[in-house]
Amino acid sequence: MAIKRSSDPAPIHPALQHFDKLPDSASARVPVVAALFSVSVPTIWRWSRDGKLPAPTKRGGVTLWSVGQLRAALADPGHVKATRTARATAAAAAKRSTAPAV
């Protein structure tokens, strides 16, 4: 069993390992979008509903986001992560520091 040190870099989510190699015309499902923005799946649905993310499309009953549009959202200085308040950021940091190690 390996001991995790605080200096060790966080592992890359498997869905994001090849994200940079995808063409802008590719599509991403909700777990990939959540990992990309480092938020939960319900947050992605809420941001989509509120217009903070590009509008997804449905193909064959599967909701998909355009990789190109997601990249544009990440590059935008007014991107959704900037909407997080100082109180929410402090609360998230406090929650992480008190969470039990897994």
PDB file of N, CA and C in Angstrom:
ATOM      1  N   MET A   1       0.850  -1.174   0.000  1.00  0.00           N
ATOM      2  CA  MET A   1       0.000   0.000   0.000  1.00  0.00           C
ATOM      3  C   MET A   1       0.897   1.239   0.000  1.00  0.00           C
ATOM      4  N   ALA A   2       0.690   2.099  -0.955  1.00  0.00           N
ATOM      5  CA  ALA A   2       1.492   3.314  -1.080  1.00  0.00           C
ATOM      6  C   ALA A   2       0.937   4.405  -0.177  1.00  0.00           C
ATOM      7  N   ILE A   3       1.837   5.160   0.379  1.00  0.00           N
ATOM      8  CA  ILE A   3       1.441   6.274   1.228  1.00  0.00           C
ATOM      9  C   ILE A   3       1.336   7.520   0.362  1.00  0.00           C
ATOM     10  N   LYS A   4       0.217   8.200   0.442  1.00  0.00           N
ATOM     11  CA  LYS A   4       0.026   9.418  -0.331  1.00  0.00           C
ATOM     12  C   LYS A   4       0.578  10.597   0.453  1.00  0.00           C
ATOM     13  N   ARG A   5       1.463  11.311  -0.171  1.00  0.00           N
ATOM     14  CA  ARG A   5       2.050  12.493   0.448  1.00  0.00           C
ATOM     15  C   ARG A   5       1.374  13.726  -0.135  1.00  0.00           C
ATOM     16  N   SER A   6       1.322  14.769   0.647  1.00  0.00           N
ATOM     17  CA  SER A   6       0.683  15.997   0.168  1.00  0.00           C
ATOM     18  C   SER A   6       1.454  16.614  -0.994  1.00  0.00           C
ATOM     19  N   SER A   7       2.723  16.283  -1.144  1.00  0.00           N
ATOM     20  CA  SER A   7       3.515  16.824  -2.244  1.00  0.00           C
ATOM     21  C   SER A   7       3.294  16.056  -3.544  1.00  0.00           C
ATOM     22  N   ASP A   8       2.658  14.878  -3.475  1.00  0.00           N
ATOM     23  CA  ASP A   8       2.381  14.106  -4.680  1.00  0.00           C
ATOM     24  C   ASP A   8       1.320  14.816  -5.515  1.00  0.00           C
ATOM     25  N   PRO A   9       1.517  14.895  -6.836  1.00  0.00           N
ATOM     26  CA  PRO A   9       0.494  15.530  -7.668  1.00  0.00           C
ATOM     27  C   PRO A   9      -0.768  14.684  -7.689  1.00  0.00           C
ATOM     28  N   ALA A  10      -1.894  15.363  -7.834  1.00  0.00           N
ATOM     29  CA  ALA A  10      -3.170  14.656  -7.899  1.00  0.00           C
ATOM     30  C   ALA A  10      -3.218  13.844  -9.190  1.00  0.00           C
ATOM     31  N   PRO A  11      -3.779  12.642  -9.140  1.00  0.00           N
ATOM     32  CA  PRO A  11      -3.852  11.837 -10.360  1.00  0.00           C
ATOM     33  C   PRO A  11      -4.806  12.489 -11.363  1.00  0.00           C
ATOM     34  N   ILE A  12      -4.522  12.299 -12.629  1.00  0.00           N
ATOM     35  CA  ILE A  12      -5.371  12.845 -13.688  1.00  0.00           C
ATOM     36  C   ILE A  12      -6.564  11.923 -13.872  1.00  0.00           C
ATOM     37  N   HIS A  13      -7.746  12.493 -13.906  1.00  0.00           N
ATOM     38  CA  HIS A  13      -8.963  11.724 -14.121  1.00  0.00           C
ATOM     39  C   HIS A  13      -8.824  10.977 -15.448  1.00  0.00           C
ATOM     40  N   PRO A  14      -9.158   9.688 -15.490  1.00  0.00           N
ATOM     41  CA  PRO A  14      -8.988   8.911 -16.717  1.00  0.00           C
ATOM     42  C   PRO A  14      -9.666   9.534 -17.945  1.00  0.00           C
ATOM     43  N   ALA A  15     -10.797  10.177 -17.743  1.00  0.00           N
ATOM     44  CA  ALA A  15     -11.517  10.769 -18.864  1.00  0.00           C
ATOM     45  C   ALA A  15     -10.770  11.960 -19.463  1.00  0.00           C
ATOM     46  N   LEU A  16      -9.850  12.535 -18.710  1.00  0.00           N
ATOM     47  CA  LEU A  16      -9.144  13.723 -19.183  1.00  0.00           C
ATOM     48  C   LEU A  16      -7.759  13.426 -19.737  1.00  0.00           C
ATOM     49  N   GLN A  17      -7.297  12.203 -19.640  1.00  0.00           N
ATOM     50  CA  GLN A  17      -5.934  11.884 -20.052  1.00  0.00           C
ATOM     51  C   GLN A  17      -5.672  12.205 -21.517  1.00  0.00           C
ATOM     52  N   HIS A  18      -6.687  12.079 -22.370  1.00  0.00           N
ATOM     53  CA  HIS A  18      -6.503  12.327 -23.801  1.00  0.00           C
ATOM     54  C   HIS A  18      -7.358  13.485 -24.298  1.00  0.00           C
ATOM     55  N   PHE A  19      -7.884  14.288 -23.400  1.00  0.00           N
ATOM     56  CA  PHE A  19      -8.786  15.378 -23.783  1.00  0.00           C
ATOM     57  C   PHE A  19      -8.098  16.368 -24.718  1.00  0.00           C
ATOM     58  N   ASP A  20      -6.847  16.688 -24.475  1.00  0.00           N
ATOM     59  CA  ASP A  20      -6.120  17.653 -25.308  1.00  0.00           C
ATOM     60  C   ASP A  20      -5.928  17.169 -26.735  1.00  0.00           C
ATOM     61  N   LYS A  21      -5.972  15.878 -26.948  1.00  0.00           N
ATOM     62  CA  LYS A  21      -5.774  15.322 -28.285  1.00  0.00           C
ATOM     63  C   LYS A  21      -7.072  15.249 -29.091  1.00  0.00           C
ATOM     64  N   LEU A  22      -8.211  15.465 -28.440  1.00  0.00           N
ATOM     65  CA  LEU A  22      -9.493  15.398 -29.145  1.00  0.00           C
ATOM     66  C   LEU A  22      -9.660  16.600 -30.066  1.00  0.00           C
ATOM     67  N   PRO A  23     -10.285  16.402 -31.224  1.00  0.00           N
ATOM     68  CA  PRO A  23     -10.572  17.551 -32.090  1.00  0.00           C
ATOM     69  C   PRO A  23     -11.715  18.374 -31.495  1.00  0.00           C
ATOM     70  N   ASP A  24     -11.803  19.638 -31.895  1.00  0.00           N
ATOM     71  CA  ASP A  24     -12.876  20.495 -31.393  1.00  0.00           C
ATOM     72  C   ASP A  24     -14.255  19.959 -31.759  1.00  0.00           C
ATOM     73  N   SER A  25     -14.336  19.165 -32.804  1.00  0.00           N
ATOM     74  CA  SER A  25     -15.626  18.623 -33.240  1.00  0.00           C
ATOM     75  C   SER A  25     -16.070  17.419 -32.409  1.00  0.00           C
ATOM     76  N   ALA A  26     -15.216  16.921 -31.529  1.00  0.00           N
ATOM     77  CA  ALA A  26     -15.559  15.772 -30.682  1.00  0.00           C
ATOM     78  C   ALA A  26     -16.588  16.184 -29.636  1.00  0.00           C
ATOM     79  N   SER A  27     -17.164  15.191 -28.999  1.00  0.00           N
ATOM     80  CA  SER A  27     -18.165  15.432 -27.963  1.00  0.00           C
ATOM     81  C   SER A  27     -17.726  14.793 -26.656  1.00  0.00           C
ATOM     82  N   ALA A  28     -18.224  15.340 -25.554  1.00  0.00           N
ATOM     83  CA  ALA A  28     -17.893  14.821 -24.225  1.00  0.00           C
ATOM     84  C   ALA A  28     -19.173  14.602 -23.440  1.00  0.00           C
ATOM     85  N   ARG A  29     -19.205  13.522 -22.671  1.00  0.00           N
ATOM     86  CA  ARG A  29     -20.353  13.218 -21.822  1.00  0.00           C
ATOM     87  C   ARG A  29     -20.190  13.927 -20.479  1.00  0.00           C
ATOM     88  N   VAL A  30     -21.235  13.899 -19.685  1.00  0.00           N
ATOM     89  CA  VAL A  30     -21.274  14.668 -18.435  1.00  0.00           C
ATOM     90  C   VAL A  30     -20.164  14.299 -17.450  1.00  0.00           C
ATOM     91  N   PRO A  31     -19.755  13.032 -17.287  1.00  0.00           N
ATOM     92  CA  PRO A  31     -18.660  12.766 -16.344  1.00  0.00           C
ATOM     93  C   PRO A  31     -17.346  13.430 -16.763  1.00  0.00           C
ATOM     94  N   VAL A  32     -17.110  13.501 -18.071  1.00  0.00           N
ATOM     95  CA  VAL A  32     -15.901  14.140 -18.569  1.00  0.00           C
ATOM     96  C   VAL A  32     -15.951  15.640 -18.310  1.00  0.00           C
ATOM     97  N   VAL A  33     -17.115  16.250 -18.557  1.00  0.00           N
ATOM     98  CA  VAL A  33     -17.276  17.689 -18.332  1.00  0.00           C
ATOM     99  C   VAL A  33     -17.093  18.007 -16.848  1.00  0.00           C
ATOM    100  N   ALA A  34     -17.656  17.179 -15.983  1.00  0.00           N
ATOM    101  CA  ALA A  34     -17.509  17.389 -14.541  1.00  0.00           C
ATOM    102  C   ALA A  34     -16.041  17.302 -14.126  1.00  0.00           C
ATOM    103  N   ALA A  35     -15.318  16.330 -14.659  1.00  0.00           N
ATOM    104  CA  ALA A  35     -13.889  16.202 -14.338  1.00  0.00           C
ATOM    105  C   ALA A  35     -13.105  17.378 -14.899  1.00  0.00           C
ATOM    106  N   LEU A  36     -13.473  17.831 -16.081  1.00  0.00           N
ATOM    107  CA  LEU A  36     -12.773  18.948 -16.714  1.00  0.00           C
ATOM    108  C   LEU A  36     -12.871  20.219 -15.885  1.00  0.00           C
ATOM    109  N   PHE A  37     -14.044  20.464 -15.308  1.00  0.00           N
ATOM    110  CA  PHE A  37     -14.260  21.670 -14.518  1.00  0.00           C
ATOM    111  C   PHE A  37     -14.042  21.428 -13.019  1.00  0.00           C
ATOM    112  N   SER A  38     -13.690  20.208 -12.646  1.00  0.00           N
ATOM    113  CA  SER A  38     -13.441  19.836 -11.241  1.00  0.00           C
ATOM    114  C   SER A  38     -14.633  20.126 -10.346  1.00  0.00           C
ATOM    115  N   VAL A  39     -15.816  19.760 -10.830  1.00  0.00           N
ATOM    116  CA  VAL A  39     -17.047  19.918 -10.060  1.00  0.00           C
ATOM    117  C   VAL A  39     -17.852  18.627 -10.155  1.00  0.00           C
ATOM    118  N   SER A  40     -18.946  18.562  -9.427  1.00  0.00           N
ATOM    119  CA  SER A  40     -19.787  17.368  -9.449  1.00  0.00           C
ATOM    120  C   SER A  40     -20.696  17.367 -10.676  1.00  0.00           C
ATOM    121  N   VAL A  41     -21.244  16.199 -10.968  1.00  0.00           N
ATOM    122  CA  VAL A  41     -22.185  16.065 -12.090  1.00  0.00           C
ATOM    123  C   VAL A  41     -23.419  16.945 -11.876  1.00  0.00           C
ATOM    124  N   PRO A  42     -24.013  16.975 -10.670  1.00  0.00           N
ATOM    125  CA  PRO A  42     -25.158  17.873 -10.484  1.00  0.00           C
ATOM    126  C   PRO A  42     -24.819  19.345 -10.749  1.00  0.00           C
ATOM    127  N   THR A  43     -23.593  19.759 -10.442  1.00  0.00           N
ATOM    128  CA  THR A  43     -23.182  21.139 -10.723  1.00  0.00           C
ATOM    129  C   THR A  43     -23.154  21.391 -12.221  1.00  0.00           C
ATOM    130  N   ILE A  44     -22.687  20.419 -12.997  1.00  0.00           N
ATOM    131  CA  ILE A  44     -22.685  20.561 -14.458  1.00  0.00           C
ATOM    132  C   ILE A  44     -24.110  20.731 -14.974  1.00  0.00           C
ATOM    133  N   TRP A  45     -25.039  19.936 -14.474  1.00  0.00           N
ATOM    134  CA  TRP A  45     -26.440  20.071 -14.910  1.00  0.00           C
ATOM    135  C   TRP A  45     -26.986  21.446 -14.533  1.00  0.00           C
ATOM    136  N   ARG A  46     -26.662  21.915 -13.329  1.00  0.00           N
ATOM    137  CA  ARG A  46     -27.141  23.226 -12.881  1.00  0.00           C
ATOM    138  C   ARG A  46     -26.534  24.336 -13.736  1.00  0.00           C
ATOM    139  N   TRP A  47     -25.228  24.267 -14.001  1.00  0.00           N
ATOM    140  CA  TRP A  47     -24.574  25.279 -14.831  1.00  0.00           C
ATOM    141  C   TRP A  47     -25.147  25.281 -16.245  1.00  0.00           C
ATOM    142  N   SER A  48     -25.459  24.098 -16.768  1.00  0.00           N
ATOM    143  CA  SER A  48     -26.063  24.026 -18.105  1.00  0.00           C
ATOM    144  C   SER A  48     -27.438  24.673 -18.103  1.00  0.00           C
ATOM    145  N   ARG A  49     -28.217  24.373 -17.095  1.00  0.00           N
ATOM    146  CA  ARG A  49     -29.557  24.944 -16.985  1.00  0.00           C
ATOM    147  C   ARG A  49     -29.496  26.463 -16.856  1.00  0.00           C
ATOM    148  N   ASP A  50     -28.496  26.959 -16.109  1.00  0.00           N
ATOM    149  CA  ASP A  50     -28.366  28.398 -15.861  1.00  0.00           C
ATOM    150  C   ASP A  50     -27.639  29.138 -16.980  1.00  0.00           C
ATOM    151  N   GLY A  51     -27.180  28.424 -18.008  1.00  0.00           N
ATOM    152  CA  GLY A  51     -26.497  29.056 -19.128  1.00  0.00           C
ATOM    153  C   GLY A  51     -25.040  29.389 -18.861  1.00  0.00           C
ATOM    154  N   LYS A  52     -24.453  28.819 -17.825  1.00  0.00           N
ATOM    155  CA  LYS A  52     -23.048  29.091 -17.501  1.00  0.00           C
ATOM    156  C   LYS A  52     -22.098  28.208 -18.307  1.00  0.00           C
ATOM    157  N   LEU A  53     -22.645  27.194 -18.953  1.00  0.00           N
ATOM    158  CA  LEU A  53     -21.876  26.311 -19.826  1.00  0.00           C
ATOM    159  C   LEU A  53     -22.507  26.345 -21.209  1.00  0.00           C
ATOM    160  N   PRO A  54     -21.748  25.969 -22.238  1.00  0.00           N
ATOM    161  CA  PRO A  54     -22.359  25.863 -23.562  1.00  0.00           C
ATOM    162  C   PRO A  54     -23.525  24.871 -23.526  1.00  0.00           C
ATOM    163  N   ALA A  55     -24.486  25.096 -24.372  1.00  0.00           N
ATOM    164  CA  ALA A  55     -25.659  24.215 -24.409  1.00  0.00           C
ATOM    165  C   ALA A  55     -25.265  22.835 -24.934  1.00  0.00           C
ATOM    166  N   PRO A  56     -25.684  21.787 -24.242  1.00  0.00           N
ATOM    167  CA  PRO A  56     -25.397  20.434 -24.729  1.00  0.00           C
ATOM    168  C   PRO A  56     -26.382  20.043 -25.834  1.00  0.00           C
ATOM    169  N   THR A  57     -26.066  18.962 -26.514  1.00  0.00           N
ATOM    170  CA  THR A  57     -26.978  18.395 -27.505  1.00  0.00           C
ATOM    171  C   THR A  57     -27.292  16.969 -27.077  1.00  0.00           C
ATOM    172  N   LYS A  58     -28.349  16.425 -27.643  1.00  0.00           N
ATOM    173  CA  LYS A  58     -28.699  15.028 -27.361  1.00  0.00           C
ATOM    174  C   LYS A  58     -28.562  14.232 -28.645  1.00  0.00           C
ATOM    175  N   ARG A  59     -27.866  13.121 -28.537  1.00  0.00           N
ATOM    176  CA  ARG A  59     -27.744  12.189 -29.658  1.00  0.00           C
ATOM    177  C   ARG A  59     -28.014  10.791 -29.135  1.00  0.00           C
ATOM    178  N   GLY A  60     -29.038  10.175 -29.669  1.00  0.00           N
ATOM    179  CA  GLY A  60     -29.371   8.818 -29.238  1.00  0.00           C
ATOM    180  C   GLY A  60     -29.703   8.719 -27.765  1.00  0.00           C
ATOM    181  N   GLY A  61     -30.282   9.776 -27.204  1.00  0.00           N
ATOM    182  CA  GLY A  61     -30.636   9.785 -25.787  1.00  0.00           C
ATOM    183  C   GLY A  61     -29.477  10.103 -24.859  1.00  0.00           C
ATOM    184  N   VAL A  62     -28.313  10.431 -25.413  1.00  0.00           N
ATOM    185  CA  VAL A  62     -27.130  10.754 -24.610  1.00  0.00           C
ATOM    186  C   VAL A  62     -26.866  12.253 -24.731  1.00  0.00           C
ATOM    187  N   THR A  63     -26.659  12.914 -23.607  1.00  0.00           N
ATOM    188  CA  THR A  63     -26.359  14.338 -23.604  1.00  0.00           C
ATOM    189  C   THR A  63     -24.863  14.531 -23.803  1.00  0.00           C
ATOM    190  N   LEU A  64     -24.515  15.399 -24.770  1.00  0.00           N
ATOM    191  CA  LEU A  64     -23.117  15.616 -25.130  1.00  0.00           C
ATOM    192  C   LEU A  64     -22.808  17.097 -25.239  1.00  0.00           C
ATOM    193  N   TRP A  65     -21.579  17.459 -24.866  1.00  0.00           N
ATOM    194  CA  TRP A  65     -21.085  18.824 -25.014  1.00  0.00           C
ATOM    195  C   TRP A  65     -19.999  18.828 -26.075  1.00  0.00           C
ATOM    196  N   SER A  66     -19.929  19.892 -26.851  1.00  0.00           N
ATOM    197  CA  SER A  66     -18.897  20.051 -27.862  1.00  0.00           C
ATOM    198  C   SER A  66     -17.555  20.350 -27.181  1.00  0.00           C
ATOM    199  N   VAL A  67     -16.523  19.600 -27.537  1.00  0.00           N
ATOM    200  CA  VAL A  67     -15.195  19.802 -26.952  1.00  0.00           C
ATOM    201  C   VAL A  67     -14.693  21.208 -27.274  1.00  0.00           C
ATOM    202  N   GLY A  68     -14.917  21.672 -28.486  1.00  0.00           N
ATOM    203  CA  GLY A  68     -14.491  23.013 -28.876  1.00  0.00           C
ATOM    204  C   GLY A  68     -15.154  24.091 -28.036  1.00  0.00           C
ATOM    205  N   GLN A  69     -16.453  23.931 -27.780  1.00  0.00           N
ATOM    206  CA  GLN A  69     -17.167  24.911 -26.953  1.00  0.00           C
ATOM    207  C   GLN A  69     -16.700  24.856 -25.505  1.00  0.00           C
ATOM    208  N   LEU A  70     -16.383  23.662 -25.012  1.00  0.00           N
ATOM    209  CA  LEU A  70     -15.865  23.543 -23.645  1.00  0.00           C
ATOM    210  C   LEU A  70     -14.504  24.215 -23.527  1.00  0.00           C
ATOM    211  N   ARG A  71     -13.662  24.041 -24.531  1.00  0.00           N
ATOM    212  CA  ARG A  71     -12.350  24.699 -24.519  1.00  0.00           C
ATOM    213  C   ARG A  71     -12.509  26.216 -24.517  1.00  0.00           C
ATOM    214  N   ALA A  72     -13.466  26.708 -25.303  1.00  0.00           N
ATOM    215  CA  ALA A  72     -13.717  28.152 -25.339  1.00  0.00           C
ATOM    216  C   ALA A  72     -14.199  28.645 -23.975  1.00  0.00           C
ATOM    217  N   ALA A  73     -15.051  27.869 -23.314  1.00  0.00           N
ATOM    218  CA  ALA A  73     -15.544  28.255 -21.987  1.00  0.00           C
ATOM    219  C   ALA A  73     -14.395  28.293 -20.973  1.00  0.00           C
ATOM    220  N   LEU A  74     -13.471  27.349 -21.083  1.00  0.00           N
ATOM    221  CA  LEU A  74     -12.327  27.337 -20.171  1.00  0.00           C
ATOM    222  C   LEU A  74     -11.385  28.505 -20.431  1.00  0.00           C
ATOM    223  N   ALA A  75     -11.265  28.914 -21.681  1.00  0.00           N
ATOM    224  CA  ALA A  75     -10.362  30.009 -22.041  1.00  0.00           C
ATOM    225  C   ALA A  75     -10.942  31.379 -21.706  1.00  0.00           C
ATOM    226  N   ASP A  76     -12.246  31.455 -21.531  1.00  0.00           N
ATOM    227  CA  ASP A  76     -12.924  32.721 -21.250  1.00  0.00           C
ATOM    228  C   ASP A  76     -12.603  33.186 -19.832  1.00  0.00           C
ATOM    229  N   PRO A  77     -12.100  34.450 -19.678  1.00  0.00           N
ATOM    230  CA  PRO A  77     -11.785  34.931 -18.332  1.00  0.00           C
ATOM    231  C   PRO A  77     -13.014  35.012 -17.425  1.00  0.00           C
ATOM    232  N   GLY A  78     -14.196  35.149 -17.984  1.00  0.00           N
ATOM    233  CA  GLY A  78     -15.423  35.193 -17.183  1.00  0.00           C
ATOM    234  C   GLY A  78     -16.038  33.823 -17.011  1.00  0.00           C
ATOM    235  N   HIS A  79     -15.222  32.808 -17.158  1.00  0.00           N
ATOM    236  CA  HIS A  79     -15.638  31.407 -17.092  1.00  0.00           C
ATOM    237  C   HIS A  79     -16.373  31.108 -15.777  1.00  0.00           C
ATOM    238  N   VAL A  80     -17.166  30.057 -15.777  1.00  0.00           N
ATOM    239  CA  VAL A  80     -18.033  29.727 -14.652  1.00  0.00           C
ATOM    240  C   VAL A  80     -17.306  29.588 -13.326  1.00  0.00           C
ATOM    241  N   LYS A  81     -16.061  29.157 -13.323  1.00  0.00           N
ATOM    242  CA  LYS A  81     -15.361  29.012 -12.046  1.00  0.00           C
ATOM    243  C   LYS A  81     -15.177  30.357 -11.356  1.00  0.00           C
ATOM    244  N   ALA A  82     -15.134  31.436 -12.127  1.00  0.00           N
ATOM    245  CA  ALA A  82     -14.973  32.761 -11.548  1.00  0.00           C
ATOM    246  C   ALA A  82     -16.217  33.192 -10.786  1.00  0.00           C
ATOM    247  N   THR A  83     -17.341  32.498 -10.987  1.00  0.00           N
ATOM    248  CA  THR A  83     -18.571  32.871 -10.304  1.00  0.00           C
ATOM    249  C   THR A  83     -18.632  32.337  -8.876  1.00  0.00           C
ATOM    250  N   ARG A  84     -17.704  31.489  -8.516  1.00  0.00           N
ATOM    251  CA  ARG A  84     -17.690  30.946  -7.161  1.00  0.00           C
ATOM    252  C   ARG A  84     -17.355  32.061  -6.175  1.00  0.00           C
ATOM    253  N   THR A  85     -18.156  32.188  -5.154  1.00  0.00           N
ATOM    254  CA  THR A  85     -17.945  33.255  -4.182  1.00  0.00           C
ATOM    255  C   THR A  85     -16.820  32.898  -3.222  1.00  0.00           C
ATOM    256  N   ALA A  86     -16.318  33.900  -2.552  1.00  0.00           N
ATOM    257  CA  ALA A  86     -15.251  33.669  -1.574  1.00  0.00           C
ATOM    258  C   ALA A  86     -15.750  32.760  -0.454  1.00  0.00           C
ATOM    259  N   ARG A  87     -17.004  32.910  -0.067  1.00  0.00           N
ATOM    260  CA  ARG A  87     -17.555  32.071   0.997  1.00  0.00           C
ATOM    261  C   ARG A  87     -17.609  30.608   0.547  1.00  0.00           C
ATOM    262  N   ALA A  88     -18.036  30.363  -0.701  1.00  0.00           N
ATOM    263  CA  ALA A  88     -18.111  28.997  -1.211  1.00  0.00           C
ATOM    264  C   ALA A  88     -16.718  28.390  -1.323  1.00  0.00           C
ATOM    265  N   THR A  89     -15.750  29.185  -1.739  1.00  0.00           N
ATOM    266  CA  THR A  89     -14.382  28.704  -1.841  1.00  0.00           C
ATOM    267  C   THR A  89     -13.840  28.331  -0.471  1.00  0.00           C
ATOM    268  N   ALA A  90     -14.085  29.167   0.538  1.00  0.00           N
ATOM    269  CA  ALA A  90     -13.625  28.893   1.898  1.00  0.00           C
ATOM    270  C   ALA A  90     -14.320  27.647   2.453  1.00  0.00           C
ATOM    271  N   ALA A  91     -15.615  27.508   2.181  1.00  0.00           N
ATOM    272  CA  ALA A  91     -16.356  26.346   2.670  1.00  0.00           C
ATOM    273  C   ALA A  91     -15.832  25.066   2.026  1.00  0.00           C
ATOM    274  N   ALA A  92     -15.534  25.112   0.728  1.00  0.00           N
ATOM    275  CA  ALA A  92     -15.002  23.936   0.041  1.00  0.00           C
ATOM    276  C   ALA A  92     -13.630  23.573   0.582  1.00  0.00           C
ATOM    277  N   ALA A  93     -12.794  24.558   0.845  1.00  0.00           N
ATOM    278  CA  ALA A  93     -11.463  24.302   1.394  1.00  0.00           C
ATOM    279  C   ALA A  93     -11.565  23.700   2.794  1.00  0.00           C
ATOM    280  N   ALA A  94     -12.482  24.213   3.604  1.00  0.00           N
ATOM    281  CA  ALA A  94     -12.667  23.681   4.958  1.00  0.00           C
ATOM    282  C   ALA A  94     -13.164  22.241   4.908  1.00  0.00           C
ATOM    283  N   LYS A  95     -14.052  21.953   3.977  1.00  0.00           N
ATOM    284  CA  LYS A  95     -14.590  20.600   3.841  1.00  0.00           C
ATOM    285  C   LYS A  95     -13.486  19.632   3.429  1.00  0.00           C
ATOM    286  N   ARG A  96     -12.633  20.054   2.486  1.00  0.00           N
ATOM    287  CA  ARG A  96     -11.531  19.190   2.055  1.00  0.00           C
ATOM    288  C   ARG A  96     -10.551  18.921   3.195  1.00  0.00           C
ATOM    289  N   SER A  97     -10.292  19.944   4.014  1.00  0.00           N
ATOM    290  CA  SER A  97      -9.293  19.769   5.071  1.00  0.00           C
ATOM    291  C   SER A  97      -9.801  18.890   6.202  1.00  0.00           C
ATOM    292  N   THR A  98     -11.123  18.778   6.353  1.00  0.00           N
ATOM    293  CA  THR A  98     -11.674  17.943   7.428  1.00  0.00           C
ATOM    294  C   THR A  98     -12.135  16.592   6.925  1.00  0.00           C
ATOM    295  N   ALA A  99     -12.090  16.369   5.614  1.00  0.00           N
ATOM    296  CA  ALA A  99     -12.538  15.096   5.061  1.00  0.00           C
ATOM    297  C   ALA A  99     -11.566  13.983   5.467  1.00  0.00           C
ATOM    298  N   PRO A 100     -12.097  12.810   5.797  1.00  0.00           N
ATOM    299  CA  PRO A 100     -11.212  11.713   6.171  1.00  0.00           C
ATOM    300  C   PRO A 100     -10.426  11.216   4.961  1.00  0.00           C
ATOM    301  N   ALA A 101      -9.225  10.779   5.199  1.00  0.00           N
ATOM    302  CA  ALA A 101      -8.373  10.255   4.122  1.00  0.00           C
ATOM    303  C   ALA A 101      -8.922   8.912   3.662  1.00  0.00           C
ATOM    304  N   VAL A 102      -8.876   8.710   2.369  1.00  0.00           N
ATOM    305  CA  VAL A 102      -9.398   7.458   1.815  1.00  0.00           C
ATOM    306  C   VAL A 102      -8.267   6.588   1.358  1.00  0.00           C
TER     307      VAL A 102
END
